[in-house]
């Protein structure tokens, strides 16, 4: 498939790009600093400005057949990137007639009663962007809500039965995101993700 990644220079985006290329896909790697992306026969760097208009964002999607949102401002631009940017991307995807949309969120984003205090503004941004995707679009979405992201080696094993605070390797998060594309059973689903004992492919099949 031809796949567009919003946030391709981020920690998750870089790993996701590698995984999708390994699976045989072509990636439009969207980023604000696309010059930091290495062009190849399988990866096309694309300038993506989350502050742009819906029409401008739609233009960057080219002929993509599926879109990932894994962009994040690390707290520096929450409203324009993590919230409004995400919503504009959803609108642009619908404008282009693309159906498959995979959205990286955060653990318990839709359950405010479980939020801590450290990342409240980030959680609020994810709460509203997740709700927009669910209630205001007709996209074939999957929302992945992992725990805290760690730059540690992945185990290739997870759990989707999460009831409390958990952590995830960025490598594992990227593997799950790539795996979602092949699993139609995850469409219109919100998936909580934590460290676990179930191989990723097996866990996704049982969603």
C-alpha atoms as a PDB file:
ATOM      1  CA  UNK A   1       0.000   0.000   0.000  1.00  0.00           C
ATOM      2  CA  UNK A   2       0.902   3.671  -0.203  1.00  0.00           C
ATOM      3  CA  UNK A   3       0.847   5.031   3.320  1.00  0.00           C
ATOM      4  CA  UNK A   4       1.155   8.549   4.729  1.00  0.00           C
ATOM      5  CA  UNK A   5       2.733   9.074   8.146  1.00  0.00           C
ATOM      6  CA  UNK A   6       2.165  12.379   9.951  1.00  0.00           C
ATOM      7  CA  UNK A   7       5.083  12.794  12.330  1.00  0.00           C
ATOM      8  CA  UNK A   8       7.638  10.669  10.492  1.00  0.00           C
ATOM      9  CA  UNK A   9      10.685  12.245  12.180  1.00  0.00           C
ATOM     10  CA  UNK A  10       9.420  11.507  15.684  1.00  0.00           C
ATOM     11  CA  UNK A  11      10.609   8.588  17.773  1.00  0.00           C
ATOM     12  CA  UNK A  12       7.596   6.442  16.900  1.00  0.00           C
ATOM     13  CA  UNK A  13       7.401   7.711  13.324  1.00  0.00           C
ATOM     14  CA  UNK A  14      10.937   6.661  12.468  1.00  0.00           C
ATOM     15  CA  UNK A  15      10.393   3.126  13.758  1.00  0.00           C
ATOM     16  CA  UNK A  16       6.990   2.897  12.077  1.00  0.00           C
ATOM     17  CA  UNK A  17       8.465   3.930   8.732  1.00  0.00           C
ATOM     18  CA  UNK A  18      11.063   1.148   8.968  1.00  0.00           C
ATOM     19  CA  UNK A  19       8.416  -1.432   9.851  1.00  0.00           C
ATOM     20  CA  UNK A  20       6.071  -0.478   7.034  1.00  0.00           C
ATOM     21  CA  UNK A  21       8.872  -0.531   4.468  1.00  0.00           C
ATOM     22  CA  UNK A  22       9.907  -3.964   5.734  1.00  0.00           C
ATOM     23  CA  UNK A  23       6.318  -5.109   5.136  1.00  0.00           C
ATOM     24  CA  UNK A  24       6.618  -3.957   1.525  1.00  0.00           C
ATOM     25  CA  UNK A  25       4.696  -0.684   1.698  1.00  0.00           C
ATOM     26  CA  UNK A  26       5.587   2.699   0.201  1.00  0.00           C
ATOM     27  CA  UNK A  27       5.695   5.534   2.743  1.00  0.00           C
ATOM     28  CA  UNK A  28       5.034   9.236   2.320  1.00  0.00           C
ATOM     29  CA  UNK A  29       6.975  10.461   5.346  1.00  0.00           C
ATOM     30  CA  UNK A  30       5.315  13.695   6.462  1.00  0.00           C
ATOM     31  CA  UNK A  31       7.181  16.052   8.775  1.00  0.00           C
ATOM     32  CA  UNK A  32       7.817  19.723   9.441  1.00  0.00           C
ATOM     33  CA  UNK A  33      11.543  19.120   8.853  1.00  0.00           C
ATOM     34  CA  UNK A  34      11.316  16.686   5.975  1.00  0.00           C
ATOM     35  CA  UNK A  35      14.952  17.427   5.129  1.00  0.00           C
ATOM     36  CA  UNK A  36      15.868  15.125   8.022  1.00  0.00           C
ATOM     37  CA  UNK A  37      14.279  12.143   6.261  1.00  0.00           C
ATOM     38  CA  UNK A  38      16.341  10.005   3.905  1.00  0.00           C
ATOM     39  CA  UNK A  39      14.677   9.575   0.540  1.00  0.00           C
ATOM     40  CA  UNK A  40      14.677   6.113  -1.003  1.00  0.00           C
ATOM     41  CA  UNK A  41      12.678   4.047  -3.464  1.00  0.00           C
ATOM     42  CA  UNK A  42      10.318   3.176  -0.593  1.00  0.00           C
ATOM     43  CA  UNK A  43      10.230   6.505   1.300  1.00  0.00           C
ATOM     44  CA  UNK A  44       9.251   9.927  -0.035  1.00  0.00           C
ATOM     45  CA  UNK A  45       9.852  12.836   2.377  1.00  0.00           C
ATOM     46  CA  UNK A  46       6.915  15.265   2.372  1.00  0.00           C
ATOM     47  CA  UNK A  47       6.679  18.682   4.009  1.00  0.00           C
ATOM     48  CA  UNK A  48       3.794  18.658   6.480  1.00  0.00           C
ATOM     49  CA  UNK A  49       2.790  21.772   8.407  1.00  0.00           C
ATOM     50  CA  UNK A  50       0.194  20.966  11.073  1.00  0.00           C
ATOM     51  CA  UNK A  51      -0.514  24.722  11.243  1.00  0.00           C
ATOM     52  CA  UNK A  52      -1.627  24.660   7.611  1.00  0.00           C
ATOM     53  CA  UNK A  53      -5.175  24.650   6.307  1.00  0.00           C
ATOM     54  CA  UNK A  54      -7.204  21.499   5.692  1.00  0.00           C
ATOM     55  CA  UNK A  55      -6.744  21.978   1.943  1.00  0.00           C
ATOM     56  CA  UNK A  56      -2.981  22.364   2.315  1.00  0.00           C
ATOM     57  CA  UNK A  57      -2.721  19.255   4.450  1.00  0.00           C
ATOM     58  CA  UNK A  58      -4.905  17.307   2.008  1.00  0.00           C
ATOM     59  CA  UNK A  59      -2.542  18.234  -0.808  1.00  0.00           C
ATOM     60  CA  UNK A  60       0.398  16.626   1.004  1.00  0.00           C
ATOM     61  CA  UNK A  61      -1.405  13.265   1.250  1.00  0.00           C
ATOM     62  CA  UNK A  62      -0.798  12.571  -2.434  1.00  0.00           C
ATOM     63  CA  UNK A  63      -2.322   9.194  -3.425  1.00  0.00           C
ATOM     64  CA  UNK A  64      -2.000   7.548   0.005  1.00  0.00           C
ATOM     65  CA  UNK A  65      -4.386   4.692   0.774  1.00  0.00           C
ATOM     66  CA  UNK A  66      -4.001   4.835   4.555  1.00  0.00           C
ATOM     67  CA  UNK A  67      -2.862   7.489   7.025  1.00  0.00           C
ATOM     68  CA  UNK A  68      -1.138   7.356  10.389  1.00  0.00           C
ATOM     69  CA  UNK A  69      -1.126  10.183  12.920  1.00  0.00           C
ATOM     70  CA  UNK A  70       1.902   9.768  15.197  1.00  0.00           C
ATOM     71  CA  UNK A  71       2.892  13.437  15.402  1.00  0.00           C
ATOM     72  CA  UNK A  72       3.531  15.087  18.736  1.00  0.00           C
ATOM     73  CA  UNK A  73       4.915  18.387  19.933  1.00  0.00           C
ATOM     74  CA  UNK A  74       6.251  17.038  23.258  1.00  0.00           C
ATOM     75  CA  UNK A  75       4.204  19.683  25.015  1.00  0.00           C
ATOM     76  CA  UNK A  76       5.494  22.628  22.965  1.00  0.00           C
ATOM     77  CA  UNK A  77       2.520  23.038  20.601  1.00  0.00           C
ATOM     78  CA  UNK A  78      -0.297  20.980  22.090  1.00  0.00           C
ATOM     79  CA  UNK A  79      -3.260  22.912  20.727  1.00  0.00           C
ATOM     80  CA  UNK A  80      -2.004  23.443  17.185  1.00  0.00           C
ATOM     81  CA  UNK A  81      -0.345  20.053  16.644  1.00  0.00           C
ATOM     82  CA  UNK A  82      -1.634  17.405  19.053  1.00  0.00           C
ATOM     83  CA  UNK A  83      -5.242  18.622  19.000  1.00  0.00           C
ATOM     84  CA  UNK A  84      -6.204  20.948  16.142  1.00  0.00           C
ATOM     85  CA  UNK A  85      -3.541  19.565  13.819  1.00  0.00           C
ATOM     86  CA  UNK A  86      -4.852  16.052  14.375  1.00  0.00           C
ATOM     87  CA  UNK A  87      -8.423  17.159  13.664  1.00  0.00           C
ATOM     88  CA  UNK A  88      -7.414  18.975  10.478  1.00  0.00           C
ATOM     89  CA  UNK A  89      -5.572  15.883   9.307  1.00  0.00           C
ATOM     90  CA  UNK A  90      -8.713  13.803   9.850  1.00  0.00           C
ATOM     91  CA  UNK A  91     -10.715  16.315   7.838  1.00  0.00           C
ATOM     92  CA  UNK A  92      -8.087  16.326   5.092  1.00  0.00           C
ATOM     93  CA  UNK A  93      -8.105  12.527   4.954  1.00  0.00           C
ATOM     94  CA  UNK A  94     -11.884  12.527   4.505  1.00  0.00           C
ATOM     95  CA  UNK A  95     -11.616  15.246   1.869  1.00  0.00           C
ATOM     96  CA  UNK A  96      -9.258  12.991  -0.110  1.00  0.00           C
ATOM     97  CA  UNK A  97     -11.609  10.025   0.194  1.00  0.00           C
ATOM     98  CA  UNK A  98      -9.129   7.940   2.198  1.00  0.00           C
ATOM     99  CA  UNK A  99     -10.825   5.587   4.672  1.00  0.00           C
ATOM    100  CA  UNK A 100      -8.158   3.851   6.783  1.00  0.00           C
ATOM    101  CA  UNK A 101      -6.813   6.019   9.585  1.00  0.00           C
ATOM    102  CA  UNK A 102      -4.634   4.893  12.504  1.00  0.00           C
ATOM    103  CA  UNK A 103      -4.281   7.304  15.392  1.00  0.00           C
ATOM    104  CA  UNK A 104      -1.677   7.226  18.151  1.00  0.00           C
ATOM    105  CA  UNK A 105      -3.174   8.466  21.400  1.00  0.00           C
ATOM    106  CA  UNK A 106      -2.292   7.921  25.067  1.00  0.00           C
ATOM    107  CA  UNK A 107      -3.387   5.501  27.757  1.00  0.00           C
ATOM    108  CA  UNK A 108      -6.820   6.266  29.236  1.00  0.00           C
ATOM    109  CA  UNK A 109      -7.189   9.375  27.037  1.00  0.00           C
ATOM    110  CA  UNK A 110     -10.959   8.848  27.035  1.00  0.00           C
ATOM    111  CA  UNK A 111     -11.144   8.096  30.768  1.00  0.00           C
ATOM    112  CA  UNK A 112     -10.337  11.349  32.598  1.00  0.00           C
ATOM    113  CA  UNK A 113     -10.983   9.761  35.975  1.00  0.00           C
ATOM    114  CA  UNK A 114      -7.793   7.735  35.451  1.00  0.00           C
ATOM    115  CA  UNK A 115      -5.533  10.646  34.514  1.00  0.00           C
ATOM    116  CA  UNK A 116      -2.609  11.628  36.668  1.00  0.00           C
ATOM    117  CA  UNK A 117      -1.526  15.236  37.052  1.00  0.00           C
ATOM    118  CA  UNK A 118       1.779  15.255  35.157  1.00  0.00           C
ATOM    119  CA  UNK A 119       0.397  15.129  31.597  1.00  0.00           C
ATOM    120  CA  UNK A 120      -3.034  16.671  32.027  1.00  0.00           C
ATOM    121  CA  UNK A 121      -2.812  19.162  29.134  1.00  0.00           C
ATOM    122  CA  UNK A 122      -1.584  16.415  26.827  1.00  0.00           C
ATOM    123  CA  UNK A 123      -4.379  14.119  27.984  1.00  0.00           C
ATOM    124  CA  UNK A 124      -6.940  16.844  27.310  1.00  0.00           C
ATOM    125  CA  UNK A 125      -5.616  17.279  23.766  1.00  0.00           C
ATOM    126  CA  UNK A 126      -5.858  13.535  23.175  1.00  0.00           C
ATOM    127  CA  UNK A 127      -9.319  13.361  24.794  1.00  0.00           C
ATOM    128  CA  UNK A 128     -10.758  15.837  22.317  1.00  0.00           C
ATOM    129  CA  UNK A 129      -8.906  14.572  19.232  1.00  0.00           C
ATOM    130  CA  UNK A 130      -9.924  10.967  19.999  1.00  0.00           C
ATOM    131  CA  UNK A 131     -13.537  12.010  20.481  1.00  0.00           C
ATOM    132  CA  UNK A 132     -13.535  13.973  17.230  1.00  0.00           C
ATOM    133  CA  UNK A 133     -12.260  10.923  15.358  1.00  0.00           C
ATOM    134  CA  UNK A 134     -14.952   8.711  16.881  1.00  0.00           C
ATOM    135  CA  UNK A 135     -17.930  11.076  16.725  1.00  0.00           C
ATOM    136  CA  UNK A 136     -17.241  13.480  13.860  1.00  0.00           C
ATOM    137  CA  UNK A 137     -15.738  11.304  11.127  1.00  0.00           C
ATOM    138  CA  UNK A 138     -16.741   8.268   9.087  1.00  0.00           C
ATOM    139  CA  UNK A 139     -13.158   7.007   8.872  1.00  0.00           C
ATOM    140  CA  UNK A 140     -12.185   3.374   9.364  1.00  0.00           C
ATOM    141  CA  UNK A 141     -10.137   4.345  12.380  1.00  0.00           C
ATOM    142  CA  UNK A 142      -8.147   2.499  14.983  1.00  0.00           C
ATOM    143  CA  UNK A 143      -7.011   4.359  18.088  1.00  0.00           C
ATOM    144  CA  UNK A 144      -3.972   3.002  19.912  1.00  0.00           C
ATOM    145  CA  UNK A 145      -3.555   4.138  23.513  1.00  0.00           C
ATOM    146  CA  UNK A 146      -0.177   2.976  24.869  1.00  0.00           C
ATOM    147  CA  UNK A 147       1.330   3.716  28.256  1.00  0.00           C
ATOM    148  CA  UNK A 148       4.431   5.855  28.790  1.00  0.00           C
ATOM    149  CA  UNK A 149       6.901   5.541  25.928  1.00  0.00           C
ATOM    150  CA  UNK A 150      10.387   4.261  26.688  1.00  0.00           C
ATOM    151  CA  UNK A 151      13.501   4.170  24.521  1.00  0.00           C
ATOM    152  CA  UNK A 152      14.249   0.586  25.494  1.00  0.00           C
ATOM    153  CA  UNK A 153      14.474  -2.581  23.380  1.00  0.00           C
ATOM    154  CA  UNK A 154      11.083  -4.055  22.553  1.00  0.00           C
ATOM    155  CA  UNK A 155       9.992  -7.470  23.726  1.00  0.00           C
ATOM    156  CA  UNK A 156       7.518  -8.064  20.914  1.00  0.00           C
ATOM    157  CA  UNK A 157       4.928  -8.926  23.556  1.00  0.00           C
ATOM    158  CA  UNK A 158       2.065  -6.833  24.915  1.00  0.00           C
ATOM    159  CA  UNK A 159      -1.256  -6.894  26.705  1.00  0.00           C
ATOM    160  CA  UNK A 160      -4.429  -5.105  25.661  1.00  0.00           C
ATOM    161  CA  UNK A 161      -6.033  -5.742  29.041  1.00  0.00           C
ATOM    162  CA  UNK A 162      -4.770  -2.655  30.844  1.00  0.00           C
ATOM    163  CA  UNK A 163      -6.292  -1.442  34.103  1.00  0.00           C
ATOM    164  CA  UNK A 164      -3.545   0.765  35.509  1.00  0.00           C
ATOM    165  CA  UNK A 165      -0.369   2.651  34.767  1.00  0.00           C
ATOM    166  CA  UNK A 166       1.987   0.911  32.344  1.00  0.00           C
ATOM    167  CA  UNK A 167       4.917   1.545  30.036  1.00  0.00           C
ATOM    168  CA  UNK A 168       5.791   0.551  26.487  1.00  0.00           C
ATOM    169  CA  UNK A 169       8.903   0.338  24.391  1.00  0.00           C
ATOM    170  CA  UNK A 170       8.731   2.665  21.384  1.00  0.00           C
ATOM    171  CA  UNK A 171       9.819  -0.308  19.269  1.00  0.00           C
ATOM    172  CA  UNK A 172       6.788  -2.292  20.433  1.00  0.00           C
ATOM    173  CA  UNK A 173       4.422   0.631  19.862  1.00  0.00           C
ATOM    174  CA  UNK A 174       5.690   0.988  16.289  1.00  0.00           C
ATOM    175  CA  UNK A 175       5.307  -2.757  15.701  1.00  0.00           C
ATOM    176  CA  UNK A 176       1.722  -2.651  16.947  1.00  0.00           C
ATOM    177  CA  UNK A 177       0.919   0.355  14.756  1.00  0.00           C
ATOM    178  CA  UNK A 178       2.319  -1.404  11.692  1.00  0.00           C
ATOM    179  CA  UNK A 179       0.423  -4.569  12.584  1.00  0.00           C
ATOM    180  CA  UNK A 180      -2.890  -2.750  12.828  1.00  0.00           C
ATOM    181  CA  UNK A 181      -2.881  -2.087   9.099  1.00  0.00           C
ATOM    182  CA  UNK A 182      -3.335  -5.805   8.408  1.00  0.00           C
ATOM    183  CA  UNK A 183      -6.047  -6.337  11.008  1.00  0.00           C
ATOM    184  CA  UNK A 184      -9.511  -5.289   9.838  1.00  0.00           C
ATOM    185  CA  UNK A 185     -10.882  -6.540  13.154  1.00  0.00           C
ATOM    186  CA  UNK A 186      -9.315  -3.482  14.782  1.00  0.00           C
ATOM    187  CA  UNK A 187     -11.356  -1.000  12.725  1.00  0.00           C
ATOM    188  CA  UNK A 188     -13.539   1.258  14.896  1.00  0.00           C
ATOM    189  CA  UNK A 189     -11.688  -0.003  17.967  1.00  0.00           C
ATOM    190  CA  UNK A 190      -9.849   1.731  20.792  1.00  0.00           C
ATOM    191  CA  UNK A 191      -6.906  -0.396  21.889  1.00  0.00           C
ATOM    192  CA  UNK A 192      -5.207   0.046  25.235  1.00  0.00           C
ATOM    193  CA  UNK A 193      -1.637  -1.241  25.225  1.00  0.00           C
ATOM    194  CA  UNK A 194       0.766  -2.229  27.958  1.00  0.00           C
ATOM    195  CA  UNK A 195       3.704  -4.509  28.606  1.00  0.00           C
ATOM    196  CA  UNK A 196       2.563  -8.121  28.587  1.00  0.00           C
ATOM    197  CA  UNK A 197       3.223 -11.715  27.640  1.00  0.00           C
ATOM    198  CA  UNK A 198       1.262 -12.094  24.393  1.00  0.00           C
ATOM    199  CA  UNK A 199       3.078 -11.844  21.038  1.00  0.00           C
ATOM    200  CA  UNK A 200       1.923  -8.724  19.186  1.00  0.00           C
ATOM    201  CA  UNK A 201       0.466 -10.520  16.152  1.00  0.00           C
ATOM    202  CA  UNK A 202      -1.530 -12.845  18.401  1.00  0.00           C
ATOM    203  CA  UNK A 203      -2.761 -10.008  20.604  1.00  0.00           C
ATOM    204  CA  UNK A 204      -4.023  -8.013  17.613  1.00  0.00           C
ATOM    205  CA  UNK A 205      -5.902 -10.963  16.147  1.00  0.00           C
ATOM    206  CA  UNK A 206      -7.945 -11.295  19.322  1.00  0.00           C
ATOM    207  CA  UNK A 207      -9.007  -7.641  19.603  1.00  0.00           C
END
